[in-house]
Amino acid sequence: MNSQLETTARKVRKIFDTTKQLKEAQKLWFKNVRGYVRANPGTSLGMALAGGFLMSRILSSR
C-alpha cells in the first residue's frame, strides 16, 4: 500500500511540474506573439484574415 502511495505522489508531482512548465512556455509564447503583432501589424492582420478564410473554407465544405 505504501509503494502505491509513493508512486501516486511521484505521478502527481510530475503532473504538477509539467503543468508549471507549460504555463511558463505559454507566457513566453504569448509575449513573443504580442511583440510580433506590435512590430508587424499589417502582416499580422493579413495572416489573421488568411487563417479565417481557410477555416471558413474548411468548415463550410462539411
C-alpha atoms as a PDB file:
ATOM      1  CA  MET A   1       0.000   0.000   0.000  1.00  0.00           C
ATOM      2  CA  ASN A   2       2.823   2.384   0.850  1.00  0.00           C
ATOM      3  CA  SER A   3       4.535   1.865  -2.504  1.00  0.00           C
ATOM      4  CA  GLN A   4       1.273   2.679  -4.293  1.00  0.00           C
ATOM      5  CA  LEU A   5       1.042   5.898  -2.323  1.00  0.00           C
ATOM      6  CA  GLU A   6       4.635   6.822  -3.210  1.00  0.00           C
ATOM      7  CA  THR A   7       4.020   6.037  -6.887  1.00  0.00           C
ATOM      8  CA  THR A   8       0.899   8.175  -6.897  1.00  0.00           C
ATOM      9  CA  ALA A   9       2.728  11.018  -5.161  1.00  0.00           C
ATOM     10  CA  ARG A  10       5.523  10.895  -7.779  1.00  0.00           C
ATOM     11  CA  LYS A  11       2.987  10.988 -10.598  1.00  0.00           C
ATOM     12  CA  VAL A  12       1.177  13.934  -9.044  1.00  0.00           C
ATOM     13  CA  ARG A  13       4.473  15.824  -8.645  1.00  0.00           C
ATOM     14  CA  LYS A  14       5.367  15.096 -12.276  1.00  0.00           C
ATOM     15  CA  ILE A  15       1.976  16.382 -13.455  1.00  0.00           C
ATOM     16  CA  PHE A  16       2.395  19.493 -11.309  1.00  0.00           C
ATOM     17  CA  ASP A  17       5.894  20.147 -12.681  1.00  0.00           C
ATOM     18  CA  THR A  18       4.766  19.600 -16.273  1.00  0.00           C
ATOM     19  CA  THR A  19       1.820  21.962 -15.769  1.00  0.00           C
ATOM     20  CA  LYS A  20       4.145  24.599 -14.385  1.00  0.00           C
ATOM     21  CA  GLN A  21       6.487  24.239 -17.384  1.00  0.00           C
ATOM     22  CA  LEU A  22       3.590  24.501 -19.829  1.00  0.00           C
ATOM     23  CA  LYS A  23       2.307  27.664 -18.153  1.00  0.00           C
ATOM     24  CA  GLU A  24       5.754  29.263 -18.418  1.00  0.00           C
ATOM     25  CA  ALA A  25       6.034  28.246 -22.085  1.00  0.00           C
ATOM     26  CA  GLN A  26       2.584  29.719 -22.739  1.00  0.00           C
ATOM     27  CA  LYS A  27       3.567  33.045 -21.143  1.00  0.00           C
ATOM     28  CA  LEU A  28       6.729  33.202 -23.259  1.00  0.00           C
ATOM     29  CA  TRP A  29       4.834  32.310 -26.440  1.00  0.00           C
ATOM     30  CA  PHE A  30       2.184  34.992 -25.836  1.00  0.00           C
ATOM     31  CA  LYS A  31       4.901  37.548 -25.117  1.00  0.00           C
ATOM     32  CA  ASN A  32       6.623  36.697 -28.409  1.00  0.00           C
ATOM     33  CA  VAL A  33       3.366  36.810 -30.390  1.00  0.00           C
ATOM     34  CA  ARG A  34       2.391  40.126 -28.828  1.00  0.00           C
ATOM     35  CA  GLY A  35       5.768  41.593 -29.765  1.00  0.00           C
ATOM     36  CA  TYR A  36       5.476  40.321 -33.348  1.00  0.00           C
ATOM     37  CA  VAL A  37       1.968  41.755 -33.746  1.00  0.00           C
ATOM     38  CA  ARG A  38       3.088  45.144 -32.438  1.00  0.00           C
ATOM     39  CA  ALA A  39       6.126  45.170 -34.736  1.00  0.00           C
ATOM     40  CA  ASN A  40       4.226  43.905 -37.815  1.00  0.00           C
ATOM     41  CA  PRO A  41       0.556  44.894 -37.581  1.00  0.00           C
ATOM     42  CA  GLY A  42      -0.114  44.666 -41.327  1.00  0.00           C
ATOM     43  CA  THR A  43       1.401  41.232 -41.687  1.00  0.00           C
ATOM     44  CA  SER A  44      -0.416  40.048 -38.571  1.00  0.00           C
ATOM     45  CA  LEU A  45      -3.740  41.279 -39.935  1.00  0.00           C
ATOM     46  CA  GLY A  46      -3.082  39.556 -43.266  1.00  0.00           C
ATOM     47  CA  MET A  47      -2.237  36.296 -41.508  1.00  0.00           C
ATOM     48  CA  ALA A  48      -5.395  36.517 -39.405  1.00  0.00           C
ATOM     49  CA  LEU A  49      -7.531  37.168 -42.484  1.00  0.00           C
ATOM     50  CA  ALA A  50      -5.916  34.285 -44.387  1.00  0.00           C
ATOM     51  CA  GLY A  51      -6.387  31.958 -41.421  1.00  0.00           C
ATOM     52  CA  GLY A  52     -10.038  32.964 -41.085  1.00  0.00           C
ATOM     53  CA  PHE A  53     -10.617  32.458 -44.791  1.00  0.00           C
ATOM     54  CA  LEU A  54      -9.042  28.998 -44.713  1.00  0.00           C
ATOM     55  CA  MET A  55     -11.043  27.991 -41.641  1.00  0.00           C
ATOM     56  CA  SER A  56     -14.273  29.153 -43.265  1.00  0.00           C
ATOM     57  CA  ARG A  57     -13.490  27.121 -46.402  1.00  0.00           C
ATOM     58  CA  ILE A  58     -12.663  24.022 -44.400  1.00  0.00           C
ATOM     59  CA  LEU A  59     -15.715  24.259 -42.158  1.00  0.00           C
ATOM     60  CA  SER A  60     -18.168  25.197 -44.920  1.00  0.00           C
ATOM     61  CA  SER A  61     -17.260  22.157 -47.021  1.00  0.00           C
ATOM     62  CA  ARG A  62     -18.666  19.796 -44.384  1.00  0.00           C
END
